[in-house]
N, C-alpha and C. Protein backbone atom coordinates (compact mmCIF):
# COMPACT_ATOMS: atom_id res chain seq x y z
N UNK A 1 9.65 -6.81 -16.43
CA UNK A 1 8.69 -5.99 -16.53
C UNK A 1 8.19 -4.77 -15.52
N UNK A 2 9.00 -3.59 -15.86
CA UNK A 2 8.80 -2.39 -14.60
C UNK A 2 8.03 -1.52 -14.99
N UNK A 3 7.16 -1.00 -13.98
CA UNK A 3 6.05 0.44 -14.13
C UNK A 3 6.17 1.06 -13.34
N UNK A 4 6.21 2.30 -13.50
CA UNK A 4 6.26 3.43 -12.24
C UNK A 4 4.91 4.56 -13.04
N UNK A 5 4.75 4.78 -11.77
CA UNK A 5 3.34 6.10 -12.02
C UNK A 5 3.79 6.91 -10.87
N UNK A 6 3.35 7.96 -11.44
CA UNK A 6 3.40 9.39 -10.51
C UNK A 6 2.17 9.96 -10.09
N UNK A 7 1.75 10.38 -9.13
CA UNK A 7 0.27 10.45 -8.91
C UNK A 7 0.61 12.13 -7.66
N UNK A 8 -1.02 12.51 -7.93
CA UNK A 8 -0.95 14.01 -6.79
C UNK A 8 -2.71 13.54 -6.07
N UNK A 9 -2.51 13.81 -5.23
CA UNK A 9 -4.17 13.61 -4.75
C UNK A 9 -4.54 14.97 -5.01
N UNK A 10 -5.98 14.94 -4.64
CA UNK A 10 -6.73 16.34 -4.58
C UNK A 10 -6.43 17.50 -3.57
N UNK A 11 -5.97 17.06 -2.35
CA UNK A 11 -5.16 17.49 -1.26
C UNK A 11 -3.85 18.05 -1.44
N UNK A 12 -3.19 17.61 -2.86
CA UNK A 12 -1.68 18.15 -2.92
C UNK A 12 -0.72 17.16 -2.55
N UNK A 13 -0.92 15.95 -1.97
CA UNK A 13 -0.03 15.21 -1.59
C UNK A 13 0.31 14.32 -3.25
N UNK A 14 1.50 14.31 -3.48
CA UNK A 14 2.29 13.76 -4.30
C UNK A 14 2.84 12.43 -4.13
N UNK A 15 2.95 11.39 -5.11
CA UNK A 15 3.93 9.98 -4.52
C UNK A 15 4.39 9.65 -5.94
N UNK A 16 4.85 8.15 -5.54
CA UNK A 16 5.47 7.71 -6.85
C UNK A 16 5.16 6.35 -6.60
N UNK A 17 4.50 5.65 -7.50
CA UNK A 17 4.32 4.03 -7.08
C UNK A 17 5.35 3.30 -8.50
N UNK A 18 6.31 2.07 -7.93
CA UNK A 18 7.12 1.63 -8.66
C UNK A 18 6.87 0.37 -8.67
N UNK A 19 6.85 -0.49 -9.86
CA UNK A 19 6.59 -2.03 -9.61
C UNK A 19 7.38 -2.86 -10.72
N UNK A 20 7.40 -3.80 -10.39
CA UNK A 20 8.14 -5.21 -11.21
C UNK A 20 7.53 -6.29 -11.06
N UNK A 21 7.31 -6.98 -12.25
CA UNK A 21 6.78 -8.36 -12.11
C UNK A 21 8.06 -9.59 -12.34
N UNK A 22 9.38 -9.24 -12.37
CA UNK A 22 10.41 -9.99 -12.47
C UNK A 22 11.19 -9.82 -11.59
N UNK A 23 10.33 -9.33 -9.88
CA UNK A 23 11.81 -9.84 -8.52
C UNK A 23 11.79 -11.08 -7.94
N UNK A 24 12.88 -11.39 -7.68
CA UNK A 24 13.39 -12.51 -7.14
C UNK A 24 13.04 -12.48 -6.03
N UNK A 25 11.94 -13.71 -5.14
CA UNK A 25 11.59 -13.65 -4.60
C UNK A 25 12.52 -14.01 -2.80
N UNK A 26 13.65 -13.98 -3.51
CA UNK A 26 14.63 -13.99 -2.13
C UNK A 26 14.70 -12.11 -1.67
N UNK A 27 14.52 -11.44 -2.34
CA UNK A 27 14.39 -10.00 -2.27
C UNK A 27 13.07 -9.29 -1.73
N UNK A 28 13.54 -8.12 -1.42
CA UNK A 28 11.83 -7.82 -0.83
C UNK A 28 10.43 -7.66 -1.54
N UNK A 29 9.70 -8.12 -1.20
CA UNK A 29 8.13 -8.20 -2.24
C UNK A 29 7.69 -6.64 -2.21
N UNK A 30 8.22 -5.90 -1.31
CA UNK A 30 7.65 -4.36 -1.27
C UNK A 30 8.33 -3.42 -0.57
N UNK A 31 8.13 -2.25 -0.96
CA UNK A 31 8.86 -1.43 -0.03
C UNK A 31 7.82 -0.35 -0.07
N UNK A 32 7.82 0.35 1.15
CA UNK A 32 7.04 1.82 1.23
C UNK A 32 7.73 3.03 1.83
N UNK A 33 7.70 3.95 1.28
CA UNK A 33 8.11 5.14 1.84
C UNK A 33 7.37 5.92 1.88
N UNK A 34 6.86 6.56 2.92
CA UNK A 34 6.19 7.66 2.89
C UNK A 34 6.78 8.96 3.85
N UNK A 35 7.11 10.07 2.67
CA UNK A 35 7.21 11.31 3.52
C UNK A 35 6.59 12.44 3.70
N UNK A 36 6.91 12.95 4.72
CA UNK A 36 6.11 13.88 5.42
C UNK A 36 6.81 15.41 5.07
N UNK A 37 6.25 16.53 5.74
CA UNK A 37 7.28 17.68 5.54
C UNK A 37 8.21 17.39 7.06
N UNK A 38 8.04 16.62 7.99
CA UNK A 38 8.83 17.01 8.97
C UNK A 38 9.24 15.60 9.20
N UNK A 39 9.16 14.52 8.55
CA UNK A 39 9.84 13.13 9.12
C UNK A 39 9.05 11.87 7.65
N UNK A 40 9.61 10.79 7.63
CA UNK A 40 9.36 9.90 6.87
C UNK A 40 9.22 8.52 7.41
N UNK A 41 8.63 7.55 7.17
CA UNK A 41 7.99 6.70 7.52
C UNK A 41 8.80 5.36 6.47
N UNK A 42 9.42 4.58 6.59
CA UNK A 42 9.77 2.96 5.19
C UNK A 42 9.44 1.80 6.05
N UNK A 43 9.01 1.44 5.37
CA UNK A 43 8.91 -0.29 5.55
C UNK A 43 9.08 -1.03 4.42
N UNK A 44 9.48 -2.39 4.72
CA UNK A 44 9.88 -3.24 3.72
C UNK A 44 9.36 -4.55 4.09
N UNK A 45 8.44 -5.27 3.42
CA UNK A 45 7.89 -6.66 3.22
C UNK A 45 7.31 -6.76 4.83
N UNK A 46 6.46 -7.51 5.28
CA UNK A 46 5.64 -7.69 6.03
C UNK A 46 6.56 -8.41 7.66
N UNK A 47 7.72 -8.94 7.05
CA UNK A 47 8.70 -9.47 8.32
C UNK A 47 9.80 -8.28 8.13
N UNK A 48 10.16 -7.47 7.56
CA UNK A 48 11.06 -6.16 7.80
C UNK A 48 10.81 -5.04 8.74
N UNK A 49 11.82 -4.43 8.80
CA UNK A 49 11.96 -2.85 9.71
C UNK A 49 10.89 -2.38 9.31
N UNK A 50 10.51 -1.43 10.56
CA UNK A 50 9.84 -0.30 9.98
C UNK A 50 10.75 1.25 10.64
N UNK A 51 10.93 1.76 9.57
CA UNK A 51 11.86 3.02 9.86
C UNK A 51 11.30 4.22 9.77
N UNK A 52 10.88 4.78 11.32
CA UNK A 52 10.52 5.87 11.26
C UNK A 52 11.35 7.45 11.55
N UNK A 53 11.32 8.19 10.74
CA UNK A 53 12.50 9.67 10.96
C UNK A 53 11.57 10.46 11.53
N UNK A 54 11.96 11.29 12.25
CA UNK A 54 11.44 12.82 12.73
C UNK A 54 12.66 14.08 12.73
N UNK A 55 12.32 14.54 11.71
CA UNK A 55 13.79 15.36 11.39
C UNK A 55 13.71 16.56 12.08
N UNK A 56 12.41 17.85 12.86
CA UNK A 56 12.57 18.39 13.99
C UNK A 56 13.06 17.83 15.28
N UNK A 57 12.82 16.67 15.90
CA UNK A 57 13.28 15.97 16.75
C UNK A 57 14.68 15.25 16.88
N UNK A 58 14.88 15.30 15.08
CA UNK A 58 16.36 14.54 15.03
C UNK A 58 16.46 13.11 16.01
N UNK A 59 15.23 12.55 15.56
CA UNK A 59 14.94 10.93 16.26
C UNK A 59 14.57 10.08 14.99
N UNK A 60 15.49 8.56 14.87
CA UNK A 60 15.40 7.74 14.18
C UNK A 60 14.96 6.57 14.53
N UNK A 61 13.95 5.66 14.87
CA UNK A 61 13.52 4.69 15.06
C UNK A 61 13.53 3.79 14.25
N UNK A 62 14.09 2.26 14.55
CA UNK A 62 14.01 1.38 13.78
C UNK A 62 12.89 0.10 14.79
N UNK A 63 11.72 -0.11 14.13
CA UNK A 63 11.07 -1.34 14.72
C UNK A 63 11.23 -2.52 13.90
N UNK A 64 11.55 -3.92 14.64
CA UNK A 64 11.69 -4.84 13.70
C UNK A 64 10.09 -5.96 14.49
N UNK A 65 10.36 -6.61 13.39
CA UNK A 65 9.38 -7.76 13.53
C UNK A 65 10.31 -8.75 14.45
N UNK A 66 9.51 -9.83 14.78
CA UNK A 66 10.34 -10.90 15.44
C UNK A 66 10.99 -11.48 14.20
N UNK A 67 12.17 -12.29 14.20
CA UNK A 67 13.38 -13.36 13.34
C UNK A 67 13.12 -14.37 13.29
N UNK A 68 11.92 -14.89 14.41
CA UNK A 68 11.68 -16.05 14.58
C UNK A 68 10.95 -17.33 13.38
N UNK A 69 10.64 -16.19 12.58
CA UNK A 69 9.60 -16.55 11.60
C UNK A 69 9.87 -16.34 9.87
N UNK A 70 9.59 -17.05 8.94
CA UNK A 70 9.55 -16.52 7.84
C UNK A 70 9.23 -15.66 7.42
N UNK A 71 9.26 -14.95 6.23
CA UNK A 71 8.53 -14.16 5.69
C UNK A 71 6.97 -14.63 5.10
N UNK A 72 7.16 -15.70 4.80
CA UNK A 72 5.83 -16.48 4.22
C UNK A 72 5.20 -16.64 5.36
N UNK A 73 5.75 -17.38 6.84
CA UNK A 73 5.06 -17.21 7.91
C UNK A 73 4.22 -15.80 7.93
N UNK A 74 4.99 -14.79 7.75
CA UNK A 74 4.17 -13.15 8.39
C UNK A 74 2.67 -13.10 7.20
N UNK A 75 3.29 -13.76 6.34
CA UNK A 75 2.30 -13.30 4.97
C UNK A 75 0.79 -14.49 5.54
N UNK A 76 1.31 -15.46 5.52
CA UNK A 76 0.21 -16.41 5.87
C UNK A 76 -0.76 -16.23 7.42
N UNK A 77 -0.28 -15.60 8.33
CA UNK A 77 -0.50 -14.92 9.40
C UNK A 77 -1.32 -14.06 9.22
N UNK A 78 -1.01 -12.92 8.45
CA UNK A 78 -1.58 -11.81 8.19
C UNK A 78 -2.89 -12.07 7.22
N UNK A 79 -2.88 -12.95 6.58
CA UNK A 79 -4.18 -13.53 5.61
C UNK A 79 -4.59 -13.74 6.52
N UNK A 80 -4.43 -15.14 7.16
CA UNK A 80 -5.44 -15.58 8.35
C UNK A 80 -6.00 -14.38 9.11
N UNK A 81 -5.33 -13.99 9.46
CA UNK A 81 -6.02 -12.53 10.69
C UNK A 81 -7.38 -11.56 9.95
N UNK A 82 -6.82 -11.44 8.64
CA UNK A 82 -7.79 -10.59 7.37
C UNK A 82 -9.09 -11.56 7.24
N UNK A 83 -8.82 -12.83 6.80
CA UNK A 83 -10.04 -13.55 6.93
C UNK A 83 -11.02 -13.90 8.26
N UNK A 84 -10.18 -13.86 9.39
CA UNK A 84 -10.84 -14.19 10.55
C UNK A 84 -11.83 -13.05 10.99
N UNK A 85 -11.26 -11.59 10.68
CA UNK A 85 -11.73 -10.70 11.00
C UNK A 85 -13.22 -10.31 10.12
N UNK A 86 -12.48 -10.59 8.77
CA UNK A 86 -14.00 -10.33 7.86
C UNK A 86 -15.13 -11.26 8.37
N UNK A 87 -14.73 -12.69 8.70
CA UNK A 87 -15.67 -13.45 9.19
C UNK A 87 -16.16 -13.08 10.08
N UNK A 88 -15.13 -12.55 11.46
CA UNK A 88 -16.37 -12.06 12.82
C UNK A 88 -17.11 -11.19 12.50
N UNK A 89 -16.93 -10.08 11.49
CA UNK A 89 -17.55 -9.29 11.14
C UNK A 89 -18.99 -9.47 10.63
N UNK A 90 -18.77 -10.51 9.65
CA UNK A 90 -20.47 -11.23 9.33
C UNK A 90 -20.91 -11.91 10.68
N UNK A 91 -20.13 -12.47 11.28
CA UNK A 91 -21.14 -13.01 12.24
C UNK A 91 -21.77 -12.17 13.11
N UNK A 92 -20.74 -11.02 13.38
CA UNK A 92 -21.52 -10.14 14.44
C UNK A 92 -22.64 -8.87 13.46
N UNK A 93 -22.49 -9.25 12.45
CA UNK A 93 -23.54 -8.08 11.92
C UNK A 93 -23.22 -7.26 11.71
N UNK A 94 -21.79 -6.77 11.87
CA UNK A 94 -21.36 -5.40 11.54
C UNK A 94 -20.84 -5.17 10.14
N UNK A 95 -20.37 -4.26 9.88
CA UNK A 95 -19.76 -3.53 8.66
C UNK A 95 -18.10 -4.27 8.96
N UNK A 96 -17.61 -4.79 7.18
CA UNK A 96 -16.57 -5.18 7.51
C UNK A 96 -15.47 -4.48 7.64
N UNK A 97 -14.42 -5.04 8.02
CA UNK A 97 -13.06 -4.15 8.17
C UNK A 97 -12.56 -3.16 7.29
N UNK A 98 -12.72 -3.95 6.24
CA UNK A 98 -12.11 -2.70 4.98
C UNK A 98 -13.59 -2.91 4.47
N UNK A 99 -13.84 -1.74 4.09
CA UNK A 99 -15.16 -1.42 3.30
C UNK A 99 -15.00 -1.94 2.05
N UNK A 100 -16.35 -2.43 1.26
CA UNK A 100 -16.07 -2.71 -0.17
C UNK A 100 -15.77 -1.16 -1.48
N UNK A 101 -16.07 -0.43 -0.64
CA UNK A 101 -15.49 0.87 -1.33
C UNK A 101 -14.07 1.17 -1.13
N UNK A 102 -13.42 0.63 -0.17
CA UNK A 102 -11.68 0.74 -0.63
C UNK A 102 -11.55 -0.40 -1.90
N UNK A 103 -12.31 -1.52 -1.88
CA UNK A 103 -11.49 -2.20 -3.11
C UNK A 103 -12.15 -1.57 -3.97
N UNK A 104 -12.90 -0.96 -4.44
CA UNK A 104 -13.64 -0.67 -5.62
C UNK A 104 -12.59 0.63 -5.81
N UNK A 105 -12.23 1.58 -5.18
CA UNK A 105 -10.85 2.62 -5.02
C UNK A 105 -9.72 2.08 -5.69
N UNK A 106 -9.40 0.96 -4.86
CA UNK A 106 -8.29 0.39 -5.67
C UNK A 106 -8.34 -0.10 -7.05
N UNK A 107 -9.52 -0.45 -7.46
CA UNK A 107 -9.66 -1.31 -9.09
C UNK A 107 -9.68 0.40 -9.90
N UNK A 108 -10.26 1.31 -9.23
CA UNK A 108 -10.62 2.36 -10.03
C UNK A 108 -8.71 3.15 -10.38
N UNK A 109 -8.00 3.30 -9.12
CA UNK A 109 -6.91 3.48 -9.13
C UNK A 109 -6.12 2.55 -9.87
N UNK A 110 -6.00 1.02 -9.99
CA UNK A 110 -5.37 0.63 -10.85
C UNK A 110 -5.82 0.66 -12.27
N UNK A 111 -7.09 0.74 -12.74
CA UNK A 111 -7.46 1.05 -13.67
C UNK A 111 -6.84 2.39 -14.64
N UNK A 112 -6.76 3.48 -13.53
CA UNK A 112 -6.18 4.88 -14.22
C UNK A 112 -4.70 4.86 -14.65
N UNK A 113 -4.17 3.83 -13.63
CA UNK A 113 -2.44 3.71 -13.96
C UNK A 113 -2.54 2.68 -14.81
N UNK A 114 -3.34 1.90 -15.47
CA UNK A 114 -3.11 1.15 -16.86
C UNK A 114 -3.20 2.34 -18.13
N UNK A 115 -4.65 3.07 -17.90
CA UNK A 115 -4.86 3.98 -19.12
C UNK A 115 -3.62 4.74 -19.16
N UNK A 116 -3.08 5.68 -17.94
CA UNK A 116 -2.23 6.59 -17.94
C UNK A 116 -0.76 5.92 -18.68
N UNK A 117 -0.31 4.65 -18.47
CA UNK A 117 0.65 4.42 -19.29
C UNK A 117 -0.01 3.90 -20.60
N UNK A 118 -0.94 3.32 -20.71
CA UNK A 118 -1.19 2.78 -22.38
C UNK A 118 -1.33 4.25 -22.96
N UNK A 119 -1.68 5.41 -22.46
CA UNK A 119 -2.40 6.42 -23.12
C UNK A 119 -1.03 7.34 -23.19
N UNK A 120 0.00 7.31 -22.10
CA UNK A 120 1.18 8.23 -21.84
C UNK A 120 0.31 9.71 -21.53
N UNK A 121 -0.30 9.69 -20.94
CA UNK A 121 -0.91 10.86 -19.81
C UNK A 121 -1.48 11.01 -18.65
N UNK A 122 -1.89 11.63 -18.23
CA UNK A 122 -2.10 11.91 -16.74
C UNK A 122 -3.83 11.56 -16.82
N UNK A 123 -4.10 10.75 -15.59
CA UNK A 123 -5.59 10.19 -15.86
C UNK A 123 -6.16 11.06 -14.63
N UNK A 124 -7.29 11.62 -14.56
CA UNK A 124 -7.99 12.26 -13.50
C UNK A 124 -9.13 11.43 -13.21
N UNK A 125 -8.82 10.44 -11.72
CA UNK A 125 -9.69 9.50 -11.12
C UNK A 125 -11.28 9.91 -11.38
N UNK A 126 -11.43 10.79 -11.10
CA UNK A 126 -13.02 11.31 -10.72
C UNK A 126 -13.47 11.55 -12.04
N UNK A 127 -13.18 12.33 -12.96
CA UNK A 127 -13.41 12.50 -14.00
C UNK A 127 -13.04 11.03 -14.87
N UNK A 128 -12.78 10.15 -15.18
CA UNK A 128 -12.39 9.26 -16.32
C UNK A 128 -12.83 7.72 -15.54
N UNK A 129 -12.94 7.52 -14.60
CA UNK A 129 -13.36 6.58 -13.64
C UNK A 129 -14.23 6.72 -12.72
N UNK A 130 -15.37 7.63 -12.74
CA UNK A 130 -16.31 7.68 -11.25
C UNK A 130 -16.93 6.96 -11.07
N UNK A 131 -17.16 6.91 -9.37
CA UNK A 131 -17.95 5.82 -8.95
C UNK A 131 -19.22 5.82 -8.98
N UNK A 132 -19.78 7.20 -9.46
CA UNK A 132 -21.15 6.62 -9.36
C UNK A 132 -21.61 6.88 -7.75
N UNK A 133 -21.27 7.09 -7.13
CA UNK A 133 -21.67 6.63 -5.60
C UNK A 133 -22.36 8.18 -5.07
């Protein structure tokens, strides 16, 4: 099963999210491309390369993670670091590394994607899923 959604932010940025539930785990589990006016970033999985292109300077750089561990080792380590950072914030009495609002906004975005797909129409987050904060 695959799904795709186009979006536009209030600031005018636009993008497309493409997802599938039928991917083979030997293939990359995610890819992210961010295009700017003067460049582009492309990332594939936690253990994949980060590619940075700067058009004006005609530069193309590739950053590689160490290849001495599997993707699952990278995911496990990332989860452990995330959990440790959250627990450290509790012990220190400080704010969490990722605020609860970010999680709420992610759920808001996901709900809008589902509604848009089900009703075959654009959804305006602030109108249809107001956070009421």
